[in-house]
Amino acid sequence: MEFKEYYKLLEVGEKASADDIKKAYKRLARKYHPDVSKEPDAEQKFKEVAEAYEVLKDPAKREEYDQVRAMGAQGKGGRFSPPPGWESATHFYEGGGHSDFSDFFESMFGRDGGFHRSYAGGQQMHMRGEDVHAELALLLEEAYQGCEQIMQVRVPEVDERGLISHRIKKLRVKVPAGTAEGSVLRIKGQGGPGLGGGGAGDLLVTIKLAEHPLFSLDGKNLTLVVPVLPWEVALGCKITVPTLKGRTRVSIPAGSQTGQKLRLAGQGLPGNPAGDFFVVIKVVMPDNISSKAKALYQGLQEEVVANPRAAWEEKA
């Protein structure tokens, strides 16, 4: 049977992302759809594109395909010879049959959804189970302090006939103090089951942090925008600001400007090294100004000679 070059059929490279593959499929499916396409052999090309997408969109099927491709199972003249005793580890027919797919597809992934591979002669292949991916949403305070969370994950399991099903499993996940947005926690042995005595896969938990009303986060660094009054920055002052560790005193230097950053080293998320905490100054005017205050500002205007827009006027 003919070896199918799924990457070429979808017009993508071997390193294409899942998003690239999806976009390529949508583009080619529109191009070759039998109801609208005027391309020669549109119906056949549409089927080939659909088959390629069915394999490459699924991480497990794509991994199997890449393994066979790398093993040189494509013989002379583009003919395909599966490795001895090959039987797919993926449960292809979970959602129903695809009778229009090629013999190559059936030889790769089968029709019974079997979850095992074996060598010729009945010797079983040892295969590690697949990793399971999940996300865990946390508050910034929980990530800062560290915590334990109970989460539910959907994991595959194999029945006595070698068929895949899925079940919901509850796990207690320990989140270390200082865990940053996007961090991945690996929990050994809590993924898919292994085959032929192979070890179980791992659970990979990606941390997602909820937006905080006060602090913004960049890696392990925290930032707080602090409003200050004009006379506070003019004269300098000490103010109390909140942090995730508690309230602390910060000195605002005289003559500070809006946007100026003050760095509190090591006061960000814990770690080795720990992140920093940045105070960003924002000068604000009071809501109500009395007539006496206006008079004081008038006196200030007459006393201080300054033009903050001088650079603009020179270029105008």
Protein backbone atom coordinates (compact mmCIF):
# COMPACT_ATOMS: atom_id res chain seq x y z
CA MET A 1 0.00 0.00 0.00
CA GLU A 2 1.08 3.58 -0.55
CA PHE A 3 2.74 5.50 2.31
CA LYS A 4 0.82 8.70 3.05
CA GLU A 5 2.84 11.89 3.51
CA TYR A 6 0.38 13.67 5.77
CA TYR A 7 2.54 16.76 6.21
CA LYS A 8 2.76 17.25 2.46
CA LEU A 9 -0.97 16.66 2.06
CA LEU A 10 -1.66 19.48 4.54
CA GLU A 11 1.16 21.61 3.09
CA VAL A 12 2.83 22.10 6.48
CA GLY A 13 6.27 21.32 7.86
CA GLU A 14 7.12 18.53 10.29
CA LYS A 15 7.49 21.05 13.13
CA ALA A 16 4.11 22.71 12.47
CA SER A 17 2.15 23.70 15.56
CA ALA A 18 -1.37 22.45 16.29
CA ASP A 19 -2.69 25.88 15.31
CA ASP A 20 -0.79 25.81 11.99
CA ILE A 21 -2.22 22.38 11.24
CA LYS A 22 -5.76 23.50 12.00
CA LYS A 23 -5.42 26.59 9.80
CA ALA A 24 -3.98 24.53 6.93
CA TYR A 25 -6.83 22.04 7.16
CA LYS A 26 -9.51 24.74 7.08
CA ARG A 27 -7.88 26.38 4.08
CA LEU A 28 -7.52 23.16 2.08
CA ALA A 29 -10.94 21.85 3.10
CA ARG A 30 -12.52 24.98 1.66
CA LYS A 31 -10.38 24.67 -1.45
CA TYR A 32 -11.28 21.04 -2.18
CA HIS A 33 -14.81 20.74 -0.81
CA PRO A 34 -16.73 18.79 -3.48
CA ASP A 35 -19.76 21.07 -3.25
CA VAL A 36 -17.85 24.19 -4.25
CA SER A 37 -14.45 23.22 -5.65
CA LYS A 38 -13.63 23.23 -9.33
CA GLU A 39 -10.22 21.64 -8.76
CA PRO A 40 -9.49 18.34 -10.56
CA ASP A 41 -10.07 15.33 -8.29
CA ALA A 42 -11.42 17.65 -5.60
CA GLU A 43 -13.35 14.90 -3.81
CA GLN A 44 -10.31 12.63 -3.52
CA LYS A 45 -8.09 15.48 -2.36
CA PHE A 46 -10.72 16.50 0.18
CA LYS A 47 -10.68 12.96 1.63
CA GLU A 48 -6.87 12.93 1.78
CA VAL A 49 -6.78 16.29 3.55
CA ALA A 50 -9.39 15.08 6.07
CA GLU A 51 -7.39 11.91 6.72
CA ALA A 52 -4.15 13.84 7.21
CA TYR A 53 -5.86 16.22 9.62
CA GLU A 54 -7.41 13.34 11.59
CA VAL A 55 -3.90 12.06 12.32
CA LEU A 56 -1.91 15.27 12.78
CA LYS A 57 -4.47 17.07 14.97
CA ASP A 58 -4.23 14.33 17.60
CA PRO A 59 -0.94 14.39 19.57
CA ALA A 60 -0.99 10.63 20.18
CA LYS A 61 -1.69 9.68 16.55
CA ARG A 62 0.82 12.24 15.32
CA GLU A 63 3.47 10.78 17.62
CA GLU A 64 2.81 7.26 16.29
CA TYR A 65 2.90 8.48 12.70
CA ASP A 66 6.19 10.32 13.30
CA GLN A 67 7.68 7.22 14.92
CA VAL A 68 6.79 4.98 11.97
CA ARG A 69 7.98 7.64 9.55
CA ALA A 70 11.30 7.93 11.38
CA MET A 71 11.70 4.14 11.45
CA GLY A 72 11.85 4.10 7.67
CA ALA A 73 8.66 2.08 7.28
CA GLN A 74 8.20 3.76 3.90
CA GLY A 75 9.62 1.22 1.52
CA LYS A 76 10.75 1.36 -2.11
CA GLY A 77 8.54 3.21 -4.53
CA GLY A 78 6.63 4.88 -1.68
CA ARG A 79 5.17 1.55 -0.50
CA PHE A 80 4.38 1.18 3.17
CA SER A 81 5.32 -1.82 5.28
CA PRO A 82 4.34 -1.47 8.94
CA PRO A 83 6.85 -2.62 11.56
CA PRO A 84 6.47 -6.28 12.54
CA GLY A 85 3.42 -6.85 14.73
CA TRP A 86 2.38 -3.18 14.66
CA GLU A 87 -0.96 -2.39 16.24
CA SER A 88 -1.99 1.13 17.14
CA ALA A 89 -1.93 2.40 20.70
CA THR A 90 -4.59 5.02 19.95
CA HIS A 91 -8.33 4.61 20.22
CA PHE A 92 -9.21 5.92 16.78
CA TYR A 93 -12.80 4.80 16.53
CA GLU A 94 -13.89 6.44 19.75
CA GLY A 95 -16.13 8.81 17.82
CA GLY A 96 -17.29 6.55 15.03
CA GLY A 97 -15.84 4.99 11.89
CA HIS A 98 -14.19 6.68 8.91
CA SER A 99 -14.67 4.21 6.11
CA ASP A 100 -13.38 6.65 3.48
CA PHE A 101 -9.87 6.67 4.91
CA SER A 102 -7.07 4.82 3.15
CA ASP A 103 -5.68 1.32 3.70
CA PHE A 104 -2.53 3.01 4.99
CA PHE A 105 -4.57 4.69 7.72
CA GLU A 106 -6.21 1.41 8.68
CA SER A 107 -2.87 -0.38 8.78
CA MET A 108 -1.55 2.30 11.11
CA PHE A 109 -4.49 2.81 13.45
CA GLY A 110 -6.77 -0.19 12.89
CA ARG A 111 -10.54 -0.38 13.28
CA ASP A 112 -10.95 -1.91 16.71
CA GLY A 113 -9.44 0.84 18.83
CA GLY A 114 -6.93 -1.58 20.33
CA PHE A 115 -4.52 -0.19 22.90
CA HIS A 116 -1.49 -2.43 22.49
CA ARG A 117 1.52 -3.10 20.30
CA SER A 118 3.40 -6.35 19.98
CA TYR A 119 6.33 -7.78 18.07
CA ALA A 120 5.94 -10.71 15.75
CA GLY A 121 5.91 -13.97 17.62
CA GLY A 122 3.80 -12.59 20.43
CA GLN A 123 6.57 -10.84 22.37
CA GLN A 124 4.98 -7.76 23.90
CA MET A 125 6.45 -4.30 23.45
CA HIS A 126 7.01 -2.30 26.62
CA MET A 127 5.63 1.19 26.17
CA ARG A 128 5.44 4.09 28.59
CA GLY A 129 1.98 5.59 29.10
CA GLU A 130 1.07 8.96 27.64
CA ASP A 131 1.40 12.15 29.65
CA VAL A 132 -1.85 13.86 30.64
CA HIS A 133 -2.09 17.66 30.53
CA ALA A 134 -4.30 19.77 32.78
CA GLU A 135 -4.58 23.36 34.00
CA LEU A 136 -4.91 24.61 37.57
CA ALA A 137 -6.25 28.11 38.28
CA LEU A 138 -4.91 29.86 41.38
CA LEU A 139 -5.09 33.19 43.14
CA LEU A 140 -1.83 35.14 43.23
CA GLU A 141 -1.79 34.82 47.02
CA GLU A 142 -1.98 31.02 46.74
CA ALA A 143 0.95 30.93 44.32
CA TYR A 144 2.95 33.26 46.56
CA GLN A 145 2.44 31.27 49.75
CA GLY A 146 2.23 27.80 48.21
CA CYS A 147 -0.82 25.61 48.72
CA GLU A 148 -2.42 22.21 48.21
CA GLN A 149 -5.32 21.85 45.79
CA ILE A 150 -7.68 19.01 44.99
CA MET A 151 -8.18 18.79 41.23
CA GLN A 152 -10.04 16.46 38.92
CA VAL A 153 -8.31 15.17 35.79
CA ARG A 154 -9.52 12.97 32.95
CA VAL A 155 -7.10 10.09 32.44
CA PRO A 156 -7.14 7.14 30.04
CA GLU A 157 -7.32 3.57 31.25
CA VAL A 158 -7.22 0.20 29.50
CA ASP A 159 -9.76 -2.55 30.01
CA GLU A 160 -9.14 -6.31 29.83
CA ARG A 161 -9.66 -6.27 26.05
CA GLY A 162 -7.02 -3.58 25.56
CA LEU A 163 -9.53 -0.85 24.75
CA ILE A 164 -9.23 2.72 25.98
CA SER A 165 -11.78 4.46 28.12
CA HIS A 166 -11.45 7.51 30.33
CA ARG A 167 -12.23 8.18 33.95
CA ILE A 168 -12.17 11.19 36.24
CA LYS A 169 -9.54 10.97 38.95
CA LYS A 170 -9.18 13.26 41.97
CA LEU A 171 -5.64 14.20 42.92
CA ARG A 172 -4.09 16.35 45.64
CA VAL A 173 -1.58 18.70 44.02
CA LYS A 174 1.05 20.50 46.07
CA VAL A 175 1.95 23.91 44.63
CA PRO A 176 5.34 25.21 45.83
CA ALA A 177 5.59 28.76 47.17
CA GLY A 178 6.56 31.22 44.44
CA THR A 179 5.06 29.27 41.54
CA ALA A 180 4.82 31.63 38.56
CA GLU A 181 2.22 31.94 35.79
CA GLY A 182 2.70 29.25 33.15
CA SER A 183 4.79 26.99 35.40
CA VAL A 184 4.31 23.28 34.74
CA LEU A 185 4.17 20.88 37.68
CA ARG A 186 5.05 17.27 36.80
CA ILE A 187 3.35 14.62 38.93
CA LYS A 188 5.05 11.31 38.29
CA GLY A 189 2.99 8.26 37.37
CA GLN A 190 -0.41 9.97 37.30
CA GLY A 191 -0.84 9.98 33.52
CA GLY A 192 -1.95 7.23 31.15
CA PRO A 193 -1.17 3.58 31.91
CA GLY A 194 1.85 1.89 30.37
CA LEU A 195 1.71 -1.09 28.05
CA GLY A 196 3.38 -4.44 28.42
CA GLY A 197 4.73 -3.54 31.83
CA GLY A 198 5.82 -0.05 30.76
CA GLY A 199 5.61 2.72 33.32
CA ALA A 200 2.67 5.09 33.59
CA GLY A 201 2.89 8.55 32.08
CA ASP A 202 2.97 11.74 34.11
CA LEU A 203 0.41 14.42 34.86
CA LEU A 204 1.60 17.84 33.67
CA VAL A 205 -0.25 20.66 35.42
CA THR A 206 0.05 24.16 33.94
CA ILE A 207 -0.50 26.98 36.45
CA LYS A 208 -2.87 29.80 35.50
CA LEU A 209 -3.04 32.81 37.80
CA ALA A 210 -6.15 34.95 38.17
CA GLU A 211 -5.77 38.68 37.57
CA HIS A 212 -5.12 40.56 40.82
CA PRO A 213 -6.88 43.85 41.66
CA LEU A 214 -3.66 45.51 42.89
CA PHE A 215 -0.57 43.71 41.66
CA SER A 216 0.62 42.83 38.18
CA LEU A 217 3.02 39.96 37.62
CA ASP A 218 5.94 39.55 35.22
CA GLY A 219 7.66 36.24 35.82
CA LYS A 220 8.49 36.43 39.54
CA ASN A 221 8.44 40.24 39.69
CA LEU A 222 5.46 42.07 41.20
CA THR A 223 4.43 45.65 40.36
CA LEU A 224 2.14 48.01 42.27
CA VAL A 225 1.06 51.40 40.91
CA VAL A 226 0.96 53.84 43.84
CA PRO A 227 -0.98 57.13 43.63
CA VAL A 228 0.77 60.08 45.29
CA LEU A 229 -0.16 63.75 45.61
CA PRO A 230 1.81 66.55 43.92
CA TRP A 231 3.25 67.90 47.17
CA GLU A 232 4.27 64.41 48.27
CA VAL A 233 6.50 63.97 45.24
CA ALA A 234 7.64 67.60 45.41
CA LEU A 235 8.78 67.36 49.02
CA GLY A 236 9.41 63.64 49.34
CA CYS A 237 7.59 61.47 51.85
CA LYS A 238 7.18 58.03 53.37
CA ILE A 239 4.07 56.02 52.59
CA THR A 240 2.73 52.58 53.53
CA VAL A 241 2.04 50.20 50.64
CA PRO A 242 0.51 46.70 50.54
CA THR A 243 2.57 43.70 49.42
CA LEU A 244 1.76 39.99 49.33
CA LYS A 245 3.91 39.60 52.45
CA GLY A 246 2.19 42.42 54.35
CA ARG A 247 2.29 46.21 54.54
CA THR A 248 5.64 47.99 54.29
CA ARG A 249 7.00 51.54 54.36
CA VAL A 250 8.45 53.08 51.20
CA SER A 251 10.33 56.36 50.84
CA ILE A 252 9.25 58.54 47.89
CA PRO A 253 12.24 60.74 46.93
CA ALA A 254 11.64 64.48 46.51
CA GLY A 255 11.19 65.42 42.87
CA SER A 256 9.91 61.98 41.79
CA GLN A 257 8.02 61.77 38.50
CA THR A 258 5.01 59.77 37.30
CA GLY A 259 6.17 56.39 35.99
CA GLN A 260 9.31 56.34 38.14
CA LYS A 261 10.01 52.90 39.63
CA LEU A 262 11.24 52.11 43.10
CA ARG A 263 12.65 48.59 43.55
CA LEU A 264 12.27 46.47 46.66
CA ALA A 265 14.76 43.67 46.04
CA GLY A 266 13.61 40.13 46.78
CA GLN A 267 10.06 41.14 47.68
CA GLY A 268 8.42 39.50 44.67
CA LEU A 269 7.52 35.83 44.36
CA PRO A 270 9.74 33.54 46.48
CA GLY A 271 12.36 31.48 44.72
CA ASN A 272 16.05 31.08 44.12
CA PRO A 273 16.48 33.85 43.24
CA ALA A 274 13.32 35.56 44.47
CA GLY A 275 11.58 38.14 42.33
CA ASP A 276 11.53 41.87 43.05
CA PHE A 277 8.70 44.21 44.03
CA PHE A 278 8.37 47.45 42.06
CA VAL A 279 6.50 50.53 43.21
CA VAL A 280 5.47 52.67 40.22
CA ILE A 281 4.68 56.30 41.08
CA LYS A 282 1.53 57.89 39.69
CA VAL A 283 0.99 61.57 40.52
CA VAL A 284 -2.70 62.38 41.00
CA MET A 285 -4.60 65.57 41.74
CA PRO A 286 -7.10 65.74 44.59
CA ASP A 287 -10.75 65.71 43.56
CA ASN A 288 -11.68 69.02 45.19
CA ILE A 289 -9.42 72.07 45.41
CA SER A 290 -10.42 74.94 47.68
CA SER A 291 -9.96 78.59 46.78
CA LYS A 292 -7.09 78.78 49.26
CA ALA A 293 -5.38 75.82 47.60
CA LYS A 294 -5.83 77.45 44.20
CA ALA A 295 -4.16 80.58 45.54
CA LEU A 296 -1.23 78.49 46.74
CA TYR A 297 -0.93 76.89 43.30
CA GLN A 298 -1.03 80.38 41.77
CA GLY A 299 1.82 81.40 44.00
CA LEU A 300 3.72 78.26 43.04
CA GLN A 301 3.24 79.04 39.37
CA GLU A 302 4.75 82.49 39.87
CA GLU A 303 7.58 81.20 42.05
CA VAL A 304 8.74 78.23 39.98
CA VAL A 305 9.97 78.90 36.45
CA ALA A 306 9.69 75.66 34.49
CA ASN A 307 8.41 74.47 31.11
CA PRO A 308 7.95 70.69 30.86
CA ARG A 309 7.12 71.03 27.15
CA ALA A 310 10.25 72.91 26.14
CA ALA A 311 11.63 69.98 24.16
CA TRP A 312 8.45 69.81 22.05
CA GLU A 313 8.49 73.53 21.34
CA GLU A 314 12.11 73.39 20.15
CA LYS A 315 11.17 70.73 17.55
CA ALA A 316 7.97 72.44 16.43
